[in-house]
Amino acid sequence: ATHGVAARRALFLENGVLDVPDGSSMIDEGPVAAIHQAMRAR
């Protein structure tokens, strides 16, 4: 909503996440932390 789907997809892909998780299980903390940090930088 803030920066557009394309910008979010690029942010996720650059940090190793292909798509939004489906919520069925825990996920690797590394890409999650990287996305939050990259969001602050970008």
PDB file of all heavy atoms in Angstrom:
ATOM      1  N   ALA A   1       0.816  -1.210   0.000  1.00  0.00           N
ATOM      2  CA  ALA A   1       0.000   0.000   0.000  1.00  0.00           C
ATOM      3  C   ALA A   1       0.850   1.261   0.000  1.00  0.00           C
ATOM      4  O   ALA A   1       0.457   2.285  -0.571  1.00  0.00           O
ATOM      5  CB  ALA A   1      -0.924   0.000   1.218  1.00  0.00           C
ATOM      6  N   THR A   2       2.023   1.199   0.613  1.00  0.00           N
ATOM      7  CA  THR A   2       2.858   2.388   0.753  1.00  0.00           C
ATOM      8  C   THR A   2       3.773   2.610  -0.439  1.00  0.00           C
ATOM      9  O   THR A   2       3.936   3.749  -0.910  1.00  0.00           O
ATOM     10  CB  THR A   2       3.704   2.291   2.043  1.00  0.00           C
ATOM     11  OG1 THR A   2       2.846   2.010   3.155  1.00  0.00           O
ATOM     12  CG2 THR A   2       4.454   3.592   2.306  1.00  0.00           C
ATOM     13  N   HIS A   3       4.377   1.537  -0.955  1.00  0.00           N
ATOM     14  CA  HIS A   3       5.376   1.681  -2.012  1.00  0.00           C
ATOM     15  C   HIS A   3       5.076   0.868  -3.269  1.00  0.00           C
ATOM     16  O   HIS A   3       5.836   0.963  -4.241  1.00  0.00           O
ATOM     17  CB  HIS A   3       6.757   1.303  -1.475  1.00  0.00           C
ATOM     18  CG  HIS A   3       7.262   2.273  -0.452  1.00  0.00           C
ATOM     19  ND1 HIS A   3       7.725   3.527  -0.772  1.00  0.00           N
ATOM     20  CD2 HIS A   3       7.345   2.172   0.904  1.00  0.00           C
ATOM     21  CE1 HIS A   3       8.087   4.159   0.328  1.00  0.00           C
ATOM     22  NE2 HIS A   3       7.870   3.368   1.358  1.00  0.00           N
ATOM     23  N   GLY A   4       4.022   0.072  -3.241  1.00  0.00           N
ATOM     24  CA  GLY A   4       3.636  -0.687  -4.419  1.00  0.00           C
ATOM     25  C   GLY A   4       4.089  -2.134  -4.362  1.00  0.00           C
ATOM     26  O   GLY A   4       5.090  -2.469  -3.723  1.00  0.00           O
ATOM     27  N   VAL A   5       3.328  -2.991  -5.024  1.00  0.00           N
ATOM     28  CA  VAL A   5       3.602  -4.428  -5.019  1.00  0.00           C
ATOM     29  C   VAL A   5       4.970  -4.725  -5.621  1.00  0.00           C
ATOM     30  O   VAL A   5       5.722  -5.573  -5.118  1.00  0.00           O
ATOM     31  CB  VAL A   5       2.492  -5.182  -5.776  1.00  0.00           C
ATOM     32  CG1 VAL A   5       2.844  -6.656  -5.922  1.00  0.00           C
ATOM     33  CG2 VAL A   5       1.151  -5.027  -5.055  1.00  0.00           C
ATOM     34  N   ALA A   6       5.323  -4.034  -6.693  1.00  0.00           N
ATOM     35  CA  ALA A   6       6.609  -4.298  -7.350  1.00  0.00           C
ATOM     36  C   ALA A   6       7.779  -4.006  -6.406  1.00  0.00           C
ATOM     37  O   ALA A   6       8.751  -4.771  -6.353  1.00  0.00           O
ATOM     38  CB  ALA A   6       6.730  -3.477  -8.619  1.00  0.00           C
ATOM     39  N   ALA A   7       7.692  -2.918  -5.668  1.00  0.00           N
ATOM     40  CA  ALA A   7       8.772  -2.571  -4.732  1.00  0.00           C
ATOM     41  C   ALA A   7       8.862  -3.597  -3.611  1.00  0.00           C
ATOM     42  O   ALA A   7       9.963  -3.989  -3.207  1.00  0.00           O
ATOM     43  CB  ALA A   7       8.530  -1.176  -4.157  1.00  0.00           C
ATOM     44  N   ARG A   8       7.717  -4.046  -3.127  1.00  0.00           N
ATOM     45  CA  ARG A   8       7.738  -5.061  -2.064  1.00  0.00           C
ATOM     46  C   ARG A   8       8.300  -6.374  -2.579  1.00  0.00           C
ATOM     47  O   ARG A   8       9.134  -7.014  -1.915  1.00  0.00           O
ATOM     48  CB  ARG A   8       6.327  -5.261  -1.505  1.00  0.00           C
ATOM     49  CG  ARG A   8       6.272  -6.173  -0.265  1.00  0.00           C
ATOM     50  CD  ARG A   8       5.971  -7.609  -0.597  1.00  0.00           C
ATOM     51  NE  ARG A   8       4.704  -7.720  -1.294  1.00  0.00           N
ATOM     52  CZ  ARG A   8       4.333  -8.783  -1.977  1.00  0.00           C
ATOM     53  NH1 ARG A   8       5.150  -9.834  -2.111  1.00  0.00           N
ATOM     54  NH2 ARG A   8       3.160  -8.832  -2.599  1.00  0.00           N
ATOM     55  N   ARG A   9       7.884  -6.794  -3.760  1.00  0.00           N
ATOM     56  CA  ARG A   9       8.406  -8.043  -4.325  1.00  0.00           C
ATOM     57  C   ARG A   9       9.921  -7.963  -4.517  1.00  0.00           C
ATOM     58  O   ARG A   9      10.641  -8.919  -4.230  1.00  0.00           O
ATOM     59  CB  ARG A   9       7.714  -8.347  -5.652  1.00  0.00           C
ATOM     60  CG  ARG A   9       6.289  -8.859  -5.503  1.00  0.00           C
ATOM     61  CD  ARG A   9       5.660  -9.122  -6.845  1.00  0.00           C
ATOM     62  NE  ARG A   9       4.337  -9.727  -6.714  1.00  0.00           N
ATOM     63  CZ  ARG A   9       3.438  -9.769  -7.673  1.00  0.00           C
ATOM     64  NH1 ARG A   9       3.709  -9.270  -8.873  1.00  0.00           N
ATOM     65  NH2 ARG A   9       2.258 -10.344  -7.466  1.00  0.00           N
ATOM     66  N   ALA A  10      10.401  -6.829  -4.993  1.00  0.00           N
ATOM     67  CA  ALA A  10      11.844  -6.665  -5.184  1.00  0.00           C
ATOM     68  C   ALA A  10      12.579  -6.747  -3.853  1.00  0.00           C
ATOM     69  O   ALA A  10      13.624  -7.406  -3.750  1.00  0.00           O
ATOM     70  CB  ALA A  10      12.119  -5.328  -5.864  1.00  0.00           C
ATOM     71  N   LEU A  11      12.034  -6.098  -2.833  1.00  0.00           N
ATOM     72  CA  LEU A  11      12.644  -6.132  -1.501  1.00  0.00           C
ATOM     73  C   LEU A  11      12.709  -7.556  -0.966  1.00  0.00           C
ATOM     74  O   LEU A  11      13.740  -7.991  -0.434  1.00  0.00           O
ATOM     75  CB  LEU A  11      11.855  -5.244  -0.546  1.00  0.00           C
ATOM     76  CG  LEU A  11      12.417  -5.078   0.863  1.00  0.00           C
ATOM     77  CD1 LEU A  11      13.700  -4.267   0.836  1.00  0.00           C
ATOM     78  CD2 LEU A  11      11.379  -4.411   1.768  1.00  0.00           C
ATOM     79  N   PHE A  12      11.622  -8.296  -1.127  1.00  0.00           N
ATOM     80  CA  PHE A  12      11.589  -9.677  -0.664  1.00  0.00           C
ATOM     81  C   PHE A  12      12.579 -10.544  -1.446  1.00  0.00           C
ATOM     82  O   PHE A  12      13.356 -11.296  -0.862  1.00  0.00           O
ATOM     83  CB  PHE A  12      10.172 -10.247  -0.789  1.00  0.00           C
ATOM     84  CG  PHE A  12       9.253  -9.920   0.362  1.00  0.00           C
ATOM     85  CD1 PHE A  12       9.338  -8.706   1.028  1.00  0.00           C
ATOM     86  CD2 PHE A  12       8.287 -10.817   0.767  1.00  0.00           C
ATOM     87  CE1 PHE A  12       8.495  -8.403   2.085  1.00  0.00           C
ATOM     88  CE2 PHE A  12       7.441 -10.526   1.830  1.00  0.00           C
ATOM     89  CZ  PHE A  12       7.534  -9.316   2.481  1.00  0.00           C
ATOM     90  N   LEU A  13      12.551 -10.434  -2.773  1.00  0.00           N
ATOM     91  CA  LEU A  13      13.419 -11.276  -3.608  1.00  0.00           C
ATOM     92  C   LEU A  13      14.898 -11.017  -3.344  1.00  0.00           C
ATOM     93  O   LEU A  13      15.701 -11.948  -3.282  1.00  0.00           O
ATOM     94  CB  LEU A  13      13.107 -11.041  -5.087  1.00  0.00           C
ATOM     95  CG  LEU A  13      11.831 -11.709  -5.625  1.00  0.00           C
ATOM     96  CD1 LEU A  13      11.536 -11.209  -7.032  1.00  0.00           C
ATOM     97  CD2 LEU A  13      11.969 -13.223  -5.611  1.00  0.00           C
ATOM     98  N   GLU A  14      15.249  -9.766  -3.179  1.00  0.00           N
ATOM     99  CA  GLU A  14      16.654  -9.421  -2.923  1.00  0.00           C
ATOM    100  C   GLU A  14      17.157  -9.999  -1.604  1.00  0.00           C
ATOM    101  O   GLU A  14      18.372 -10.115  -1.400  1.00  0.00           O
ATOM    102  CB  GLU A  14      16.816  -7.901  -2.924  1.00  0.00           C
ATOM    103  CG  GLU A  14      16.691  -7.279  -4.307  1.00  0.00           C
ATOM    104  CD  GLU A  14      16.507  -5.777  -4.245  1.00  0.00           C
ATOM    105  OE1 GLU A  14      16.763  -5.180  -3.164  1.00  0.00           O
ATOM    106  OE2 GLU A  14      16.103  -5.193  -5.263  1.00  0.00           O
ATOM    107  N   ASN A  15      16.231 -10.372  -0.733  1.00  0.00           N
ATOM    108  CA  ASN A  15      16.610 -10.925   0.564  1.00  0.00           C
ATOM    109  C   ASN A  15      16.182 -12.385   0.721  1.00  0.00           C
ATOM    110  O   ASN A  15      16.028 -12.888   1.831  1.00  0.00           O
ATOM    111  CB  ASN A  15      16.031 -10.044   1.675  1.00  0.00           C
ATOM    112  CG  ASN A  15      16.711  -8.692   1.716  1.00  0.00           C
ATOM    113  OD1 ASN A  15      17.819  -8.567   2.196  1.00  0.00           O
ATOM    114  ND2 ASN A  15      16.053  -7.677   1.154  1.00  0.00           N
ATOM    115  N   GLY A  16      15.989 -13.054  -0.414  1.00  0.00           N
ATOM    116  CA  GLY A  16      15.800 -14.499  -0.414  1.00  0.00           C
ATOM    117  C   GLY A  16      14.405 -15.007  -0.165  1.00  0.00           C
ATOM    118  O   GLY A  16      14.228 -16.194   0.108  1.00  0.00           O
ATOM    119  N   VAL A  17      13.389 -14.143  -0.279  1.00  0.00           N
ATOM    120  CA  VAL A  17      12.004 -14.576  -0.063  1.00  0.00           C
ATOM    121  C   VAL A  17      11.249 -14.465  -1.386  1.00  0.00           C
ATOM    122  O   VAL A  17      11.080 -13.361  -1.926  1.00  0.00           O
ATOM    123  CB  VAL A  17      11.313 -13.737   1.031  1.00  0.00           C
ATOM    124  CG1 VAL A  17       9.851 -14.142   1.191  1.00  0.00           C
ATOM    125  CG2 VAL A  17      12.056 -13.883   2.357  1.00  0.00           C
ATOM    126  N   LEU A  18      10.785 -15.596  -1.895  1.00  0.00           N
ATOM    127  CA  LEU A  18      10.130 -15.609  -3.199  1.00  0.00           C
ATOM    128  C   LEU A  18       8.721 -15.057  -3.152  1.00  0.00           C
ATOM    129  O   LEU A  18       8.251 -14.447  -4.116  1.00  0.00           O
ATOM    130  CB  LEU A  18      10.108 -17.034  -3.759  1.00  0.00           C
ATOM    131  CG  LEU A  18      11.470 -17.686  -3.997  1.00  0.00           C
ATOM    132  CD1 LEU A  18      11.283 -19.102  -4.539  1.00  0.00           C
ATOM    133  CD2 LEU A  18      12.320 -16.853  -4.945  1.00  0.00           C
ATOM    134  N   ASP A  19       8.018 -15.276  -2.043  1.00  0.00           N
ATOM    135  CA  ASP A  19       6.633 -14.819  -1.930  1.00  0.00           C
ATOM    136  C   ASP A  19       6.282 -14.659  -0.467  1.00  0.00           C
ATOM    137  O   ASP A  19       7.015 -15.099   0.423  1.00  0.00           O
ATOM    138  CB  ASP A  19       5.689 -15.818  -2.605  1.00  0.00           C
ATOM    139  CG  ASP A  19       4.385 -15.161  -3.042  1.00  0.00           C
ATOM    140  OD1 ASP A  19       4.149 -13.987  -2.681  1.00  0.00           O
ATOM    141  OD2 ASP A  19       3.597 -15.822  -3.727  1.00  0.00           O
ATOM    142  N   VAL A  20       5.138 -14.065  -0.209  1.00  0.00           N
ATOM    143  CA  VAL A  20       4.670 -13.909   1.165  1.00  0.00           C
ATOM    144  C   VAL A  20       4.423 -15.298   1.748  1.00  0.00           C
ATOM    145  O   VAL A  20       3.802 -16.148   1.089  1.00  0.00           O
ATOM    146  CB  VAL A  20       3.370 -13.079   1.199  1.00  0.00           C
ATOM    147  CG1 VAL A  20       2.863 -12.924   2.633  1.00  0.00           C
ATOM    148  CG2 VAL A  20       3.591 -11.711   0.560  1.00  0.00           C
ATOM    149  N   PRO A  21       4.902 -15.589   2.959  1.00  0.00           N
ATOM    150  CA  PRO A  21       4.675 -16.916   3.552  1.00  0.00           C
ATOM    151  C   PRO A  21       3.192 -17.234   3.666  1.00  0.00           C
ATOM    152  O   PRO A  21       2.357 -16.331   3.794  1.00  0.00           O
ATOM    153  CB  PRO A  21       5.322 -16.794   4.937  1.00  0.00           C
ATOM    154  CG  PRO A  21       6.262 -15.649   4.833  1.00  0.00           C
ATOM    155  CD  PRO A  21       5.677 -14.706   3.833  1.00  0.00           C
ATOM    156  N   ASP A  22       2.877 -18.536   3.624  1.00  0.00           N
ATOM    157  CA  ASP A  22       1.465 -18.924   3.717  1.00  0.00           C
ATOM    158  C   ASP A  22       0.992 -19.067   5.161  1.00  0.00           C
ATOM    159  O   ASP A  22      -0.189 -19.308   5.411  1.00  0.00           O
ATOM    160  CB  ASP A  22       1.206 -20.216   2.942  1.00  0.00           C
ATOM    161  CG  ASP A  22       1.974 -21.409   3.492  1.00  0.00           C
ATOM    162  OD1 ASP A  22       2.556 -21.318   4.606  1.00  0.00           O
ATOM    163  OD2 ASP A  22       2.009 -22.446   2.804  1.00  0.00           O
ATOM    164  N   GLY A  23       1.885 -18.937   6.111  1.00  0.00           N
ATOM    165  CA  GLY A  23       1.483 -18.980   7.516  1.00  0.00           C
ATOM    166  C   GLY A  23       1.373 -20.363   8.102  1.00  0.00           C
ATOM    167  O   GLY A  23       0.960 -20.520   9.254  1.00  0.00           O
ATOM    168  N   SER A  24       1.755 -21.384   7.358  1.00  0.00           N
ATOM    169  CA  SER A  24       1.568 -22.762   7.831  1.00  0.00           C
ATOM    170  C   SER A  24       2.672 -23.236   8.761  1.00  0.00           C
ATOM    171  O   SER A  24       2.512 -24.253   9.443  1.00  0.00           O
ATOM    172  CB  SER A  24       1.464 -23.713   6.630  1.00  0.00           C
ATOM    173  OG  SER A  24       2.674 -23.700   5.877  1.00  0.00           O
ATOM    174  N   SER A  25       3.816 -22.519   8.786  1.00  0.00           N
ATOM    175  CA  SER A  25       4.922 -22.967   9.623  1.00  0.00           C
ATOM    176  C   SER A  25       5.840 -21.801   9.935  1.00  0.00           C
ATOM    177  O   SER A  25       5.758 -20.730   9.322  1.00  0.00           O
ATOM    178  CB  SER A  25       5.716 -24.070   8.918  1.00  0.00           C
ATOM    179  OG  SER A  25       6.300 -23.575   7.712  1.00  0.00           O
ATOM    180  N   MET A  26       6.720 -22.025  10.911  1.00  0.00           N
ATOM    181  CA  MET A  26       7.747 -21.044  11.227  1.00  0.00           C
ATOM    182  C   MET A  26       8.693 -20.916  10.029  1.00  0.00           C
ATOM    183  O   MET A  26       8.797 -21.830   9.210  1.00  0.00           O
ATOM    184  CB  MET A  26       8.514 -21.484  12.466  1.00  0.00           C
ATOM    185  CG  MET A  26       7.647 -21.692  13.708  1.00  0.00           C
ATOM    186  SD  MET A  26       6.938 -20.166  14.333  1.00  0.00           S
ATOM    187  CE  MET A  26       8.370 -19.476  15.168  1.00  0.00           C
ATOM    188  N   ILE A  27       9.370 -19.779   9.934  1.00  0.00           N
ATOM    189  CA  ILE A  27      10.245 -19.536   8.792  1.00  0.00           C
ATOM    190  C   ILE A  27      11.634 -19.113   9.282  1.00  0.00           C
ATOM    191  O   ILE A  27      11.823 -18.737  10.438  1.00  0.00           O
ATOM    192  CB  ILE A  27       9.654 -18.476   7.845  1.00  0.00           C
ATOM    193  CG1 ILE A  27       9.410 -17.147   8.579  1.00  0.00           C
ATOM    194  CG2 ILE A  27       8.361 -18.983   7.217  1.00  0.00           C
ATOM    195  CD1 ILE A  27       8.883 -16.032   7.689  1.00  0.00           C
ATOM    196  N   ASP A  28      12.604 -19.161   8.379  1.00  0.00           N
ATOM    197  CA  ASP A  28      13.977 -18.802   8.678  1.00  0.00           C
ATOM    198  C   ASP A  28      14.055 -17.331   9.104  1.00  0.00           C
ATOM    199  O   ASP A  28      13.561 -16.449   8.405  1.00  0.00           O
ATOM    200  CB  ASP A  28      14.830 -19.050   7.429  1.00  0.00           C
ATOM    201  CG  ASP A  28      16.314 -18.808   7.643  1.00  0.00           C
ATOM    202  OD1 ASP A  28      16.709 -18.382   8.750  1.00  0.00           O
ATOM    203  OD2 ASP A  28      17.076 -19.050   6.691  1.00  0.00           O
ATOM    204  N   GLU A  29      14.688 -17.080  10.249  1.00  0.00           N
ATOM    205  CA  GLU A  29      14.767 -15.702  10.734  1.00  0.00           C
ATOM    206  C   GLU A  29      15.672 -14.825   9.877  1.00  0.00           C
ATOM    207  O   GLU A  29      15.484 -13.608   9.820  1.00  0.00           O
ATOM    208  CB  GLU A  29      15.273 -15.663  12.175  1.00  0.00           C
ATOM    209  CG  GLU A  29      16.766 -15.866  12.323  1.00  0.00           C
ATOM    210  CD  GLU A  29      17.297 -15.582  13.706  1.00  0.00           C
ATOM    211  OE1 GLU A  29      16.543 -15.639  14.681  1.00  0.00           O
ATOM    212  OE2 GLU A  29      18.507 -15.333  13.806  1.00  0.00           O
ATOM    213  N   GLY A  30      16.654 -15.419   9.187  1.00  0.00           N
ATOM    214  CA  GLY A  30      17.627 -14.627   8.439  1.00  0.00           C
ATOM    215  C   GLY A  30      17.006 -13.704   7.411  1.00  0.00           C
ATOM    216  O   GLY A  30      17.237 -12.480   7.448  1.00  0.00           O
ATOM    217  N   PRO A  31      16.223 -14.234   6.466  1.00  0.00           N
ATOM    218  CA  PRO A  31      15.589 -13.350   5.486  1.00  0.00           C
ATOM    219  C   PRO A  31      14.608 -12.358   6.109  1.00  0.00           C
ATOM    220  O   PRO A  31      14.486 -11.236   5.621  1.00  0.00           O
ATOM    221  CB  PRO A  31      14.860 -14.331   4.555  1.00  0.00           C
ATOM    222  CG  PRO A  31      15.610 -15.618   4.697  1.00  0.00           C
ATOM    223  CD  PRO A  31      16.035 -15.658   6.128  1.00  0.00           C
ATOM    224  N   VAL A  32      13.940 -12.758   7.173  1.00  0.00           N
ATOM    225  CA  VAL A  32      12.998 -11.842   7.833  1.00  0.00           C
ATOM    226  C   VAL A  32      13.744 -10.635   8.380  1.00  0.00           C
ATOM    227  O   VAL A  32      13.371  -9.482   8.136  1.00  0.00           O
ATOM    228  CB  VAL A  32      12.236 -12.563   8.964  1.00  0.00           C
ATOM    229  CG1 VAL A  32      11.368 -11.563   9.736  1.00  0.00           C
ATOM    230  CG2 VAL A  32      11.386 -13.690   8.410  1.00  0.00           C
ATOM    231  N   ALA A  33      14.818 -10.897   9.126  1.00  0.00           N
ATOM    232  CA  ALA A  33      15.614  -9.802   9.676  1.00  0.00           C
ATOM    233  C   ALA A  33      16.202  -8.952   8.561  1.00  0.00           C
ATOM    234  O   ALA A  33      16.220  -7.714   8.643  1.00  0.00           O
ATOM    235  CB  ALA A  33      16.711 -10.363  10.569  1.00  0.00           C
ATOM    236  N   ALA A  34      16.668  -9.606   7.490  1.00  0.00           N
ATOM    237  CA  ALA A  34      17.267  -8.872   6.370  1.00  0.00           C
ATOM    238  C   ALA A  34      16.250  -7.951   5.711  1.00  0.00           C
ATOM    239  O   ALA A  34      16.570  -6.815   5.326  1.00  0.00           O
ATOM    240  CB  ALA A  34      17.844  -9.845   5.354  1.00  0.00           C
ATOM    241  N   ILE A  35      15.006  -8.414   5.575  1.00  0.00           N
ATOM    242  CA  ILE A  35      13.960  -7.588   4.965  1.00  0.00           C
ATOM    243  C   ILE A  35      13.653  -6.377   5.830  1.00  0.00           C
ATOM    244  O   ILE A  35      13.527  -5.252   5.334  1.00  0.00           O
ATOM    245  CB  ILE A  35      12.695  -8.436   4.690  1.00  0.00           C
ATOM    246  CG1 ILE A  35      12.952  -9.344   3.486  1.00  0.00           C
ATOM    247  CG2 ILE A  35      11.468  -7.541   4.458  1.00  0.00           C
ATOM    248  CD1 ILE A  35      11.894 -10.407   3.271  1.00  0.00           C
ATOM    249  N   HIS A  36      13.528  -6.577   7.135  1.00  0.00           N
ATOM    250  CA  HIS A  36      13.249  -5.442   8.022  1.00  0.00           C
ATOM    251  C   HIS A  36      14.398  -4.432   7.980  1.00  0.00           C
ATOM    252  O   HIS A  36      14.165  -3.214   7.951  1.00  0.00           O
ATOM    253  CB  HIS A  36      12.994  -5.937   9.447  1.00  0.00           C
ATOM    254  CG  HIS A  36      11.593  -6.410   9.669  1.00  0.00           C
ATOM    255  ND1 HIS A  36      10.641  -5.651  10.323  1.00  0.00           N
ATOM    256  CD2 HIS A  36      10.969  -7.567   9.314  1.00  0.00           C
ATOM    257  CE1 HIS A  36       9.491  -6.312  10.367  1.00  0.00           C
ATOM    258  NE2 HIS A  36       9.667  -7.483   9.773  1.00  0.00           N
ATOM    259  N   GLN A  37      15.637  -4.918   7.952  1.00  0.00           N
ATOM    260  CA  GLN A  37      16.771  -4.000   7.891  1.00  0.00           C
ATOM    261  C   GLN A  37      16.846  -3.293   6.536  1.00  0.00           C
ATOM    262  O   GLN A  37      17.101  -2.080   6.471  1.00  0.00           O
ATOM    263  CB  GLN A  37      18.070  -4.757   8.178  1.00  0.00           C
ATOM    264  CG  GLN A  37      18.162  -5.231   9.625  1.00  0.00           C
ATOM    265  CD  GLN A  37      19.550  -5.734   9.988  1.00  0.00           C
ATOM    266  OE1 GLN A  37      20.518  -5.514   9.265  1.00  0.00           O
ATOM    267  NE2 GLN A  37      19.655  -6.408  11.113  1.00  0.00           N
ATOM    268  N   ALA A  38      16.616  -4.041   5.461  1.00  0.00           N
ATOM    269  CA  ALA A  38      16.643  -3.440   4.125  1.00  0.00           C
ATOM    270  C   ALA A  38      15.527  -2.414   3.957  1.00  0.00           C
ATOM    271  O   ALA A  38      15.705  -1.398   3.285  1.00  0.00           O
ATOM    272  CB  ALA A  38      16.541  -4.531   3.060  1.00  0.00           C
ATOM    273  N   MET A  39      14.382  -2.673   4.575  1.00  0.00           N
ATOM    274  CA  MET A  39      13.274  -1.714   4.514  1.00  0.00           C
ATOM    275  C   MET A  39      13.683  -0.391   5.156  1.00  0.00           C
ATOM    276  O   MET A  39      13.395   0.685   4.626  1.00  0.00           O
ATOM    277  CB  MET A  39      12.046  -2.291   5.227  1.00  0.00           C
ATOM    278  CG  MET A  39      10.858  -1.344   5.285  1.00  0.00           C
ATOM    279  SD  MET A  39       9.445  -2.053   6.160  1.00  0.00           S
ATOM    280  CE  MET A  39      10.029  -1.996   7.868  1.00  0.00           C
ATOM    281  N   ARG A  40      14.371  -0.470   6.292  1.00  0.00           N
ATOM    282  CA  ARG A  40      14.816   0.763   6.943  1.00  0.00           C
ATOM    283  C   ARG A  40      15.812   1.525   6.074  1.00  0.00           C
ATOM    284  O   ARG A  40      15.795   2.757   6.027  1.00  0.00           O
ATOM    285  CB  ARG A  40      15.427   0.442   8.308  1.00  0.00           C
ATOM    286  CG  ARG A  40      14.403   0.035   9.349  1.00  0.00           C
ATOM    287  CD  ARG A  40      14.997  -0.015  10.741  1.00  0.00           C
ATOM    288  NE  ARG A  40      15.830  -1.180  10.977  1.00  0.00           N
ATOM    289  CZ  ARG A  40      15.376  -2.345  11.444  1.00  0.00           C
ATOM    290  NH1 ARG A  40      14.085  -2.500  11.691  1.00  0.00           N
ATOM    291  NH2 ARG A  40      16.207  -3.355  11.648  1.00  0.00           N
ATOM    292  N   ALA A  41      16.688   0.778   5.399  1.00  0.00           N
ATOM    293  CA  ALA A  41      17.690   1.432   4.552  1.00  0.00           C
ATOM    294  C   ALA A  41      17.071   2.021   3.286  1.00  0.00           C
ATOM    295  O   ALA A  41      17.427   3.130   2.864  1.00  0.00           O
ATOM    296  CB  ALA A  41      18.778   0.430   4.183  1.00  0.00           C
ATOM    297  N   ARG A  42      16.150   1.291   2.674  1.00  0.00           N
ATOM    298  CA  ARG A  42      15.590   1.717   1.393  1.00  0.00           C
ATOM    299  C   ARG A  42      14.508   2.772   1.541  1.00  0.00           C
ATOM    300  O   ARG A  42      14.357   3.648   0.680  1.00  0.00           O
ATOM    301  CB  ARG A  42      15.027   0.501   0.650  1.00  0.00           C
ATOM    302  CG  ARG A  42      14.485   0.847  -0.739  1.00  0.00           C
ATOM    303  CD  ARG A  42      14.229  -0.389  -1.552  1.00  0.00           C
ATOM    304  NE  ARG A  42      15.454  -1.169  -1.727  1.00  0.00           N
ATOM    305  CZ  ARG A  42      15.514  -2.322  -2.399  1.00  0.00           C
ATOM    306  NH1 ARG A  42      14.425  -2.829  -2.948  1.00  0.00           N
ATOM    307  NH2 ARG A  42      16.645  -2.966  -2.498  1.00  0.00           N
TER     308      ARG A  42
END
